[in-house]
Amino acid sequence: MDDSLARARNFSPSSIRALLDQEKEPTAKGAVPRGNGAPLEHSDPLPLPGESYRGHARRSDGPEPTIHFVLKDFSYEGFSYADCERVRLVRPEKPGGGPVLIVRFSGSAITEAVIEGRNLHSLYHAIGLHQMPWIWEHPAPADFSNDKATLIRRITFREVER
């Protein structure tokens, strides 16, 4: 860059160097620098056997590339948010049941993830914003006693005809 252009914008070559050096400074452990220099924390890692149950990860600051479904046997299914076509929170078919969250993906095959549980409203919103990294099906939902927390009783997948 021509020095005259740098001076015209009130930048000297040394101030540009200072900005570049500032971006190289280490950030907090587990954080990745954002474009504006503020750290961005990594999203929650996928749950593993033996960990305490949480129905879902913390909502991320920005859009996620993939949503992962962790089933009770710790098998994992991931879908690209780019293929997320629709999110619905529907009334239960059975009286007294909780709402059902249906997420439709239109990749090589149209697949719906059907999530049954309770306290799903905030999860619906986070998925709609593409800010939910993972959802975890409880291995033994009858043993879960926290009525205010999100509980995922069952996750099923069904392919839909075009």
N, C-alpha and C. Protein backbone atom coordinates (compact mmCIF):
# COMPACT_ATOMS: atom_id res chain seq x y z
N MET A 1 0.86 -1.17 0.00
CA MET A 1 0.00 0.00 0.00
C MET A 1 0.90 1.23 0.00
N ASP A 2 0.50 2.22 -0.76
CA ASP A 2 1.23 3.49 -0.83
C ASP A 2 1.09 4.22 0.51
N ASP A 3 2.20 4.73 1.07
CA ASP A 3 2.14 5.43 2.35
C ASP A 3 1.22 6.63 2.32
N SER A 4 1.07 7.28 1.17
CA SER A 4 0.19 8.45 1.10
C SER A 4 -1.26 8.05 1.35
N LEU A 5 -1.65 6.87 0.89
CA LEU A 5 -3.01 6.40 1.16
C LEU A 5 -3.21 6.11 2.64
N ALA A 6 -2.21 5.52 3.28
CA ALA A 6 -2.30 5.22 4.71
C ALA A 6 -2.42 6.51 5.51
N ARG A 7 -1.65 7.53 5.15
CA ARG A 7 -1.73 8.80 5.87
C ARG A 7 -3.07 9.48 5.64
N ALA A 8 -3.60 9.36 4.43
CA ALA A 8 -4.88 10.02 4.12
C ALA A 8 -6.00 9.44 4.98
N ARG A 9 -5.88 8.20 5.41
CA ARG A 9 -6.90 7.57 6.25
C ARG A 9 -6.52 7.62 7.72
N ASN A 10 -5.56 8.41 8.07
CA ASN A 10 -5.07 8.55 9.45
C ASN A 10 -4.47 7.26 9.99
N PHE A 11 -3.93 6.45 9.11
CA PHE A 11 -3.22 5.25 9.52
C PHE A 11 -1.76 5.42 9.14
N SER A 12 -0.89 5.12 10.03
CA SER A 12 0.52 5.07 9.69
C SER A 12 0.89 3.59 9.57
N PRO A 13 1.96 3.29 8.87
CA PRO A 13 2.36 1.88 8.78
C PRO A 13 2.56 1.25 10.16
N SER A 14 3.00 2.04 11.15
CA SER A 14 3.21 1.47 12.49
C SER A 14 1.89 1.17 13.19
N SER A 15 0.83 1.97 12.94
CA SER A 15 -0.46 1.68 13.57
C SER A 15 -1.10 0.45 12.95
N ILE A 16 -0.89 0.24 11.67
CA ILE A 16 -1.38 -0.97 11.02
C ILE A 16 -0.67 -2.18 11.61
N ARG A 17 0.65 -2.07 11.80
CA ARG A 17 1.42 -3.16 12.40
C ARG A 17 0.91 -3.46 13.81
N ALA A 18 0.59 -2.43 14.57
CA ALA A 18 0.07 -2.60 15.94
C ALA A 18 -1.25 -3.36 15.91
N LEU A 19 -2.11 -3.04 14.96
CA LEU A 19 -3.39 -3.76 14.83
C LEU A 19 -3.18 -5.22 14.49
N LEU A 20 -2.24 -5.50 13.58
CA LEU A 20 -1.94 -6.88 13.23
C LEU A 20 -1.35 -7.64 14.41
N ASP A 21 -0.44 -7.00 15.15
CA ASP A 21 0.16 -7.65 16.32
C ASP A 21 -0.88 -7.90 17.41
N GLN A 22 -1.85 -7.01 17.55
CA GLN A 22 -2.90 -7.16 18.55
C GLN A 22 -3.73 -8.41 18.28
N GLU A 23 -3.98 -8.72 17.01
CA GLU A 23 -4.76 -9.91 16.67
C GLU A 23 -4.00 -11.18 16.96
N LYS A 24 -2.68 -11.12 17.05
CA LYS A 24 -1.86 -12.31 17.33
C LYS A 24 -1.79 -12.62 18.81
N GLU A 25 -2.22 -11.71 19.68
CA GLU A 25 -2.13 -11.93 21.12
C GLU A 25 -3.01 -13.11 21.51
N PRO A 26 -2.57 -13.91 22.47
CA PRO A 26 -3.37 -15.07 22.89
C PRO A 26 -4.68 -14.62 23.52
N THR A 27 -5.70 -15.43 23.31
CA THR A 27 -7.01 -15.16 23.90
C THR A 27 -7.24 -16.12 25.06
N ALA A 28 -8.38 -16.00 25.69
CA ALA A 28 -8.71 -16.88 26.81
C ALA A 28 -8.69 -18.34 26.36
N LYS A 29 -8.38 -19.24 27.28
CA LYS A 29 -8.34 -20.66 26.98
C LYS A 29 -9.70 -21.11 26.46
N GLY A 30 -9.70 -21.86 25.34
CA GLY A 30 -10.94 -22.36 24.77
C GLY A 30 -11.68 -21.35 23.93
N ALA A 31 -11.06 -20.21 23.66
CA ALA A 31 -11.74 -19.18 22.89
C ALA A 31 -11.01 -18.97 21.57
N VAL A 32 -11.75 -18.56 20.58
CA VAL A 32 -11.21 -18.27 19.26
C VAL A 32 -11.47 -16.80 18.99
N PRO A 33 -10.46 -16.05 18.50
CA PRO A 33 -10.71 -14.62 18.28
C PRO A 33 -11.71 -14.39 17.16
N ARG A 34 -12.61 -13.44 17.36
CA ARG A 34 -13.54 -13.01 16.32
C ARG A 34 -12.85 -11.97 15.47
N GLY A 35 -13.49 -11.57 14.43
CA GLY A 35 -12.95 -10.54 13.55
C GLY A 35 -12.71 -9.23 14.28
N ASN A 36 -13.53 -8.92 15.30
CA ASN A 36 -13.36 -7.66 16.02
C ASN A 36 -12.42 -7.80 17.22
N GLY A 37 -11.76 -8.96 17.37
CA GLY A 37 -10.80 -9.16 18.44
C GLY A 37 -11.40 -9.76 19.71
N ALA A 38 -12.74 -9.76 19.86
CA ALA A 38 -13.37 -10.33 21.05
C ALA A 38 -13.38 -11.85 20.92
N PRO A 39 -13.14 -12.59 22.01
CA PRO A 39 -13.11 -14.04 21.91
C PRO A 39 -14.52 -14.63 21.71
N LEU A 40 -14.56 -15.69 20.93
CA LEU A 40 -15.80 -16.44 20.72
C LEU A 40 -15.58 -17.81 21.35
N GLU A 41 -16.39 -18.17 22.32
CA GLU A 41 -16.22 -19.45 22.98
C GLU A 41 -16.68 -20.57 22.06
N HIS A 42 -15.98 -21.71 22.19
CA HIS A 42 -16.41 -22.89 21.43
C HIS A 42 -17.75 -23.35 21.99
N SER A 43 -18.56 -23.97 21.13
CA SER A 43 -19.83 -24.49 21.61
C SER A 43 -19.56 -25.72 22.47
N ASP A 44 -20.58 -26.15 23.19
CA ASP A 44 -20.45 -27.32 24.05
C ASP A 44 -20.04 -28.54 23.23
N PRO A 45 -19.09 -29.33 23.73
CA PRO A 45 -18.76 -30.58 23.03
C PRO A 45 -19.92 -31.56 23.14
N LEU A 46 -19.98 -32.49 22.21
CA LEU A 46 -21.05 -33.49 22.24
C LEU A 46 -20.98 -34.30 23.54
N PRO A 47 -22.13 -34.65 24.10
CA PRO A 47 -22.12 -35.43 25.34
C PRO A 47 -21.59 -36.84 25.12
N LEU A 48 -20.98 -37.37 26.17
CA LEU A 48 -20.42 -38.72 26.14
C LEU A 48 -21.05 -39.56 27.25
N PRO A 49 -21.00 -40.88 27.13
CA PRO A 49 -21.55 -41.73 28.19
C PRO A 49 -20.95 -41.38 29.55
N GLY A 50 -21.80 -41.36 30.57
CA GLY A 50 -21.37 -41.07 31.93
C GLY A 50 -21.52 -39.62 32.32
N GLU A 51 -21.78 -38.72 31.37
CA GLU A 51 -21.95 -37.31 31.70
C GLU A 51 -23.36 -37.06 32.22
N SER A 52 -23.51 -36.01 33.02
CA SER A 52 -24.82 -35.61 33.52
C SER A 52 -25.68 -35.14 32.35
N TYR A 53 -26.95 -35.50 32.40
CA TYR A 53 -27.86 -35.20 31.30
C TYR A 53 -28.22 -33.72 31.22
N ARG A 54 -28.18 -33.22 30.03
CA ARG A 54 -28.75 -31.92 29.66
C ARG A 54 -29.48 -32.16 28.35
N GLY A 55 -30.65 -31.62 28.18
CA GLY A 55 -31.44 -31.87 26.98
C GLY A 55 -30.80 -31.33 25.72
N HIS A 56 -30.01 -30.30 25.86
CA HIS A 56 -29.38 -29.70 24.68
C HIS A 56 -28.19 -28.86 25.10
N ALA A 57 -27.41 -28.47 24.11
CA ALA A 57 -26.24 -27.61 24.33
C ALA A 57 -26.69 -26.20 24.67
N ARG A 58 -25.73 -25.39 25.07
CA ARG A 58 -25.99 -23.96 25.20
C ARG A 58 -26.20 -23.39 23.80
N ARG A 59 -27.07 -22.42 23.69
CA ARG A 59 -27.29 -21.75 22.41
C ARG A 59 -26.01 -21.01 22.03
N SER A 60 -25.58 -21.15 20.79
CA SER A 60 -24.35 -20.50 20.36
C SER A 60 -24.60 -19.04 20.00
N ASP A 61 -23.51 -18.29 19.91
CA ASP A 61 -23.61 -16.86 19.58
C ASP A 61 -24.01 -16.61 18.14
N GLY A 62 -23.66 -17.53 17.27
CA GLY A 62 -23.94 -17.35 15.85
C GLY A 62 -24.43 -18.64 15.24
N PRO A 63 -24.66 -18.63 13.95
CA PRO A 63 -25.17 -19.84 13.30
C PRO A 63 -24.18 -21.00 13.35
N GLU A 64 -24.70 -22.17 13.51
CA GLU A 64 -23.93 -23.41 13.53
C GLU A 64 -23.99 -24.06 12.14
N PRO A 65 -22.97 -24.78 11.73
CA PRO A 65 -23.04 -25.46 10.44
C PRO A 65 -23.88 -26.74 10.50
N THR A 66 -23.90 -27.40 11.65
CA THR A 66 -24.53 -28.71 11.79
C THR A 66 -25.29 -28.80 13.10
N ILE A 67 -26.40 -29.52 13.08
CA ILE A 67 -27.08 -29.87 14.32
C ILE A 67 -26.91 -31.38 14.51
N HIS A 68 -26.53 -31.76 15.71
CA HIS A 68 -26.28 -33.17 16.03
C HIS A 68 -27.37 -33.67 16.97
N PHE A 69 -27.85 -34.86 16.69
CA PHE A 69 -28.82 -35.52 17.55
C PHE A 69 -28.11 -36.69 18.22
N VAL A 70 -28.12 -36.69 19.56
CA VAL A 70 -27.47 -37.75 20.33
C VAL A 70 -28.59 -38.63 20.87
N LEU A 71 -28.59 -39.89 20.42
CA LEU A 71 -29.65 -40.81 20.84
C LEU A 71 -29.27 -41.51 22.14
N LYS A 72 -30.25 -42.14 22.77
CA LYS A 72 -30.02 -42.72 24.10
C LYS A 72 -28.92 -43.76 24.13
N ASP A 73 -28.66 -44.43 23.01
CA ASP A 73 -27.57 -45.41 22.96
C ASP A 73 -26.25 -44.77 22.54
N PHE A 74 -26.20 -43.45 22.52
CA PHE A 74 -25.04 -42.64 22.15
C PHE A 74 -24.62 -42.85 20.70
N SER A 75 -25.59 -43.14 19.84
CA SER A 75 -25.33 -43.03 18.42
C SER A 75 -25.64 -41.57 18.05
N TYR A 76 -24.98 -41.09 17.02
CA TYR A 76 -25.07 -39.68 16.66
C TYR A 76 -25.58 -39.54 15.23
N GLU A 77 -26.44 -38.57 15.00
CA GLU A 77 -26.93 -38.22 13.67
C GLU A 77 -26.74 -36.72 13.52
N GLY A 78 -26.09 -36.30 12.45
CA GLY A 78 -25.89 -34.88 12.21
C GLY A 78 -26.53 -34.46 10.90
N PHE A 79 -27.10 -33.27 10.89
CA PHE A 79 -27.72 -32.71 9.69
C PHE A 79 -27.21 -31.29 9.50
N SER A 80 -26.98 -30.94 8.26
CA SER A 80 -26.53 -29.59 7.94
C SER A 80 -27.69 -28.61 8.12
N TYR A 81 -27.42 -27.52 8.81
CA TYR A 81 -28.44 -26.47 8.93
C TYR A 81 -28.78 -25.87 7.57
N ALA A 82 -27.87 -25.98 6.60
CA ALA A 82 -28.16 -25.46 5.26
C ALA A 82 -29.34 -26.22 4.64
N ASP A 83 -29.56 -27.46 5.08
CA ASP A 83 -30.67 -28.27 4.58
C ASP A 83 -31.93 -28.16 5.44
N CYS A 84 -31.87 -27.35 6.50
CA CYS A 84 -33.03 -27.20 7.39
C CYS A 84 -34.09 -26.36 6.68
N GLU A 85 -35.21 -26.99 6.41
CA GLU A 85 -36.26 -26.36 5.63
C GLU A 85 -37.40 -25.82 6.49
N ARG A 86 -37.69 -26.50 7.58
CA ARG A 86 -38.85 -26.11 8.38
C ARG A 86 -38.70 -26.60 9.82
N VAL A 87 -39.19 -25.80 10.75
CA VAL A 87 -39.22 -26.16 12.16
C VAL A 87 -40.66 -25.94 12.63
N ARG A 88 -41.22 -26.96 13.27
CA ARG A 88 -42.60 -26.85 13.76
C ARG A 88 -42.69 -27.36 15.19
N LEU A 89 -43.49 -26.71 15.99
CA LEU A 89 -43.81 -27.17 17.33
C LEU A 89 -45.30 -27.43 17.32
N VAL A 90 -45.68 -28.70 17.37
CA VAL A 90 -47.09 -29.07 17.21
C VAL A 90 -47.65 -29.66 18.49
N ARG A 91 -48.95 -29.60 18.60
CA ARG A 91 -49.63 -30.17 19.77
C ARG A 91 -49.49 -31.68 19.77
N PRO A 92 -49.48 -32.26 20.95
CA PRO A 92 -49.35 -33.72 21.02
C PRO A 92 -50.61 -34.41 20.50
N GLU A 93 -50.41 -35.61 19.95
CA GLU A 93 -51.56 -36.39 19.48
C GLU A 93 -52.33 -36.99 20.65
N LYS A 94 -51.62 -37.35 21.72
CA LYS A 94 -52.25 -37.96 22.88
C LYS A 94 -52.55 -36.90 23.93
N PRO A 95 -53.73 -36.91 24.55
CA PRO A 95 -54.02 -35.94 25.61
C PRO A 95 -53.03 -36.11 26.77
N GLY A 96 -52.60 -34.99 27.30
CA GLY A 96 -51.67 -35.00 28.43
C GLY A 96 -50.22 -35.11 28.03
N GLY A 97 -49.95 -35.31 26.76
CA GLY A 97 -48.56 -35.40 26.28
C GLY A 97 -47.98 -34.01 26.05
N GLY A 98 -46.69 -33.95 25.90
CA GLY A 98 -46.02 -32.69 25.64
C GLY A 98 -46.02 -32.36 24.16
N PRO A 99 -45.61 -31.14 23.82
CA PRO A 99 -45.55 -30.76 22.42
C PRO A 99 -44.49 -31.59 21.67
N VAL A 100 -44.63 -31.63 20.37
CA VAL A 100 -43.69 -32.36 19.52
C VAL A 100 -43.01 -31.36 18.60
N LEU A 101 -41.70 -31.43 18.56
CA LEU A 101 -40.89 -30.55 17.73
C LEU A 101 -40.48 -31.34 16.49
N ILE A 102 -40.78 -30.80 15.32
CA ILE A 102 -40.45 -31.49 14.06
C ILE A 102 -39.53 -30.57 13.25
N VAL A 103 -38.37 -31.10 12.90
CA VAL A 103 -37.39 -30.36 12.11
C VAL A 103 -37.21 -31.10 10.79
N ARG A 104 -37.46 -30.41 9.68
CA ARG A 104 -37.38 -31.04 8.36
C ARG A 104 -36.10 -30.61 7.65
N PHE A 105 -35.38 -31.63 7.13
CA PHE A 105 -34.16 -31.41 6.37
C PHE A 105 -34.38 -31.93 4.96
N SER A 106 -34.01 -31.13 3.98
CA SER A 106 -34.21 -31.53 2.59
C SER A 106 -32.88 -31.69 1.88
N GLY A 107 -32.10 -32.66 2.30
CA GLY A 107 -30.83 -32.96 1.66
C GLY A 107 -31.05 -33.93 0.53
N SER A 108 -30.19 -34.96 0.42
CA SER A 108 -30.36 -35.97 -0.62
C SER A 108 -31.66 -36.74 -0.44
N ALA A 109 -32.13 -36.83 0.80
CA ALA A 109 -33.45 -37.39 1.11
C ALA A 109 -34.12 -36.43 2.09
N ILE A 110 -35.42 -36.29 2.00
CA ILE A 110 -36.14 -35.45 2.95
C ILE A 110 -36.32 -36.25 4.23
N THR A 111 -35.78 -35.72 5.32
CA THR A 111 -35.84 -36.41 6.61
C THR A 111 -36.39 -35.46 7.65
N GLU A 112 -37.29 -35.98 8.47
CA GLU A 112 -37.80 -35.20 9.60
C GLU A 112 -37.27 -35.80 10.89
N ALA A 113 -36.73 -34.94 11.74
CA ALA A 113 -36.35 -35.33 13.09
C ALA A 113 -37.54 -34.98 13.97
N VAL A 114 -38.10 -35.98 14.64
CA VAL A 114 -39.26 -35.78 15.50
C VAL A 114 -38.78 -35.87 16.94
N ILE A 115 -38.94 -34.77 17.67
CA ILE A 115 -38.42 -34.65 19.03
C ILE A 115 -39.60 -34.54 19.98
N GLU A 116 -39.71 -35.49 20.88
CA GLU A 116 -40.79 -35.49 21.87
C GLU A 116 -40.18 -35.20 23.24
N GLY A 117 -40.87 -34.38 24.01
CA GLY A 117 -40.37 -34.05 25.34
C GLY A 117 -41.18 -32.97 26.00
N ARG A 118 -40.52 -32.22 26.85
CA ARG A 118 -41.20 -31.11 27.53
C ARG A 118 -40.27 -29.91 27.58
N ASN A 119 -40.89 -28.74 27.72
CA ASN A 119 -40.16 -27.46 27.74
C ASN A 119 -39.33 -27.28 26.47
N LEU A 120 -39.98 -27.43 25.33
CA LEU A 120 -39.30 -27.40 24.03
C LEU A 120 -39.35 -26.03 23.34
N HIS A 121 -40.02 -25.05 23.93
CA HIS A 121 -40.22 -23.76 23.25
C HIS A 121 -38.90 -23.04 22.95
N SER A 122 -38.00 -22.96 23.92
CA SER A 122 -36.73 -22.27 23.67
C SER A 122 -35.86 -23.06 22.69
N LEU A 123 -35.97 -24.37 22.71
CA LEU A 123 -35.25 -25.21 21.76
C LEU A 123 -35.75 -24.96 20.34
N TYR A 124 -37.06 -24.84 20.19
CA TYR A 124 -37.67 -24.51 18.90
C TYR A 124 -37.07 -23.21 18.35
N HIS A 125 -37.00 -22.22 19.21
CA HIS A 125 -36.48 -20.91 18.79
C HIS A 125 -35.01 -20.99 18.39
N ALA A 126 -34.19 -21.66 19.20
CA ALA A 126 -32.76 -21.77 18.91
C ALA A 126 -32.49 -22.55 17.62
N ILE A 127 -33.27 -23.59 17.36
CA ILE A 127 -33.11 -24.35 16.11
C ILE A 127 -33.51 -23.47 14.93
N GLY A 128 -34.58 -22.71 15.07
CA GLY A 128 -35.01 -21.80 14.01
C GLY A 128 -33.96 -20.77 13.66
N LEU A 129 -33.15 -20.38 14.63
CA LEU A 129 -32.06 -19.42 14.41
C LEU A 129 -30.74 -20.10 14.00
N HIS A 130 -30.76 -21.44 13.92
CA HIS A 130 -29.57 -22.25 13.59
C HIS A 130 -28.47 -22.07 14.63
N GLN A 131 -28.87 -21.94 15.90
CA GLN A 131 -27.92 -21.71 16.98
C GLN A 131 -27.87 -22.83 18.00
N MET A 132 -28.37 -24.01 17.66
CA MET A 132 -28.33 -25.13 18.59
C MET A 132 -27.37 -26.19 18.04
N PRO A 133 -26.25 -26.42 18.73
CA PRO A 133 -25.28 -27.39 18.23
C PRO A 133 -25.72 -28.85 18.35
N TRP A 134 -26.38 -29.22 19.48
CA TRP A 134 -26.79 -30.61 19.65
C TRP A 134 -27.99 -30.74 20.57
N ILE A 135 -28.69 -31.86 20.42
CA ILE A 135 -29.85 -32.22 21.25
C ILE A 135 -29.63 -33.67 21.70
N TRP A 136 -29.96 -33.96 22.96
CA TRP A 136 -29.65 -35.26 23.54
C TRP A 136 -30.92 -35.94 24.06
N GLU A 137 -31.18 -37.12 23.56
CA GLU A 137 -32.31 -37.93 24.02
C GLU A 137 -31.94 -38.57 25.36
N HIS A 138 -32.80 -38.41 26.36
CA HIS A 138 -32.51 -38.96 27.69
C HIS A 138 -32.54 -40.48 27.65
N PRO A 139 -31.53 -41.15 28.21
CA PRO A 139 -31.51 -42.61 28.20
C PRO A 139 -32.64 -43.26 29.00
N ALA A 140 -33.09 -42.60 30.07
CA ALA A 140 -34.16 -43.13 30.92
C ALA A 140 -35.05 -41.98 31.36
N PRO A 141 -35.94 -41.48 30.48
CA PRO A 141 -36.69 -40.26 30.79
C PRO A 141 -37.56 -40.34 32.04
N ALA A 142 -37.96 -41.53 32.44
CA ALA A 142 -38.78 -41.65 33.65
C ALA A 142 -37.99 -41.27 34.90
N ASP A 143 -36.66 -41.33 34.82
CA ASP A 143 -35.80 -41.00 35.97
C ASP A 143 -35.50 -39.51 36.08
N PHE A 144 -35.93 -38.71 35.12
CA PHE A 144 -35.60 -37.28 35.09
C PHE A 144 -36.66 -36.51 35.85
N SER A 145 -36.27 -35.84 36.94
CA SER A 145 -37.26 -35.23 37.82
C SER A 145 -37.32 -33.71 37.76
N ASN A 146 -36.41 -33.04 37.05
CA ASN A 146 -36.41 -31.58 37.00
C ASN A 146 -37.49 -31.10 36.03
N ASP A 147 -38.64 -30.66 36.58
CA ASP A 147 -39.78 -30.27 35.75
C ASP A 147 -39.55 -29.02 34.93
N LYS A 148 -38.59 -28.17 35.33
CA LYS A 148 -38.37 -26.91 34.62
C LYS A 148 -37.35 -27.02 33.50
N ALA A 149 -36.55 -28.07 33.50
CA ALA A 149 -35.51 -28.24 32.48
C ALA A 149 -36.10 -28.91 31.24
N THR A 150 -35.44 -28.71 30.12
CA THR A 150 -35.84 -29.38 28.89
C THR A 150 -35.54 -30.86 29.01
N LEU A 151 -36.51 -31.67 28.65
CA LEU A 151 -36.35 -33.12 28.64
C LEU A 151 -36.69 -33.62 27.25
N ILE A 152 -35.78 -34.37 26.66
CA ILE A 152 -36.03 -35.00 25.37
C ILE A 152 -36.33 -36.47 25.65
N ARG A 153 -37.59 -36.84 25.52
CA ARG A 153 -38.00 -38.22 25.79
C ARG A 153 -37.61 -39.16 24.65
N ARG A 154 -37.81 -38.66 23.42
CA ARG A 154 -37.56 -39.53 22.27
C ARG A 154 -37.21 -38.68 21.05
N ILE A 155 -36.27 -39.19 20.27
CA ILE A 155 -35.93 -38.61 18.97
C ILE A 155 -36.07 -39.72 17.94
N THR A 156 -36.89 -39.48 16.93
CA THR A 156 -37.03 -40.44 15.84
C THR A 156 -36.83 -39.71 14.52
N PHE A 157 -36.43 -40.46 13.51
CA PHE A 157 -36.22 -39.90 12.19
C PHE A 157 -37.15 -40.62 11.22
N ARG A 158 -37.72 -39.85 10.34
CA ARG A 158 -38.58 -40.48 9.32
C ARG A 158 -38.30 -39.80 7.97
N GLU A 159 -38.19 -40.65 6.96
CA GLU A 159 -38.01 -40.12 5.61
C GLU A 159 -39.37 -39.81 5.03
N VAL A 160 -39.42 -38.71 4.29
CA VAL A 160 -40.67 -38.21 3.71
C VAL A 160 -40.55 -38.30 2.19
N GLU A 161 -41.59 -38.77 1.54
CA GLU A 161 -41.60 -38.83 0.08
C GLU A 161 -41.70 -37.42 -0.49
N ARG A 162 -41.09 -37.23 -1.62
CA ARG A 162 -41.17 -35.93 -2.31
C ARG A 162 -42.52 -35.75 -2.91
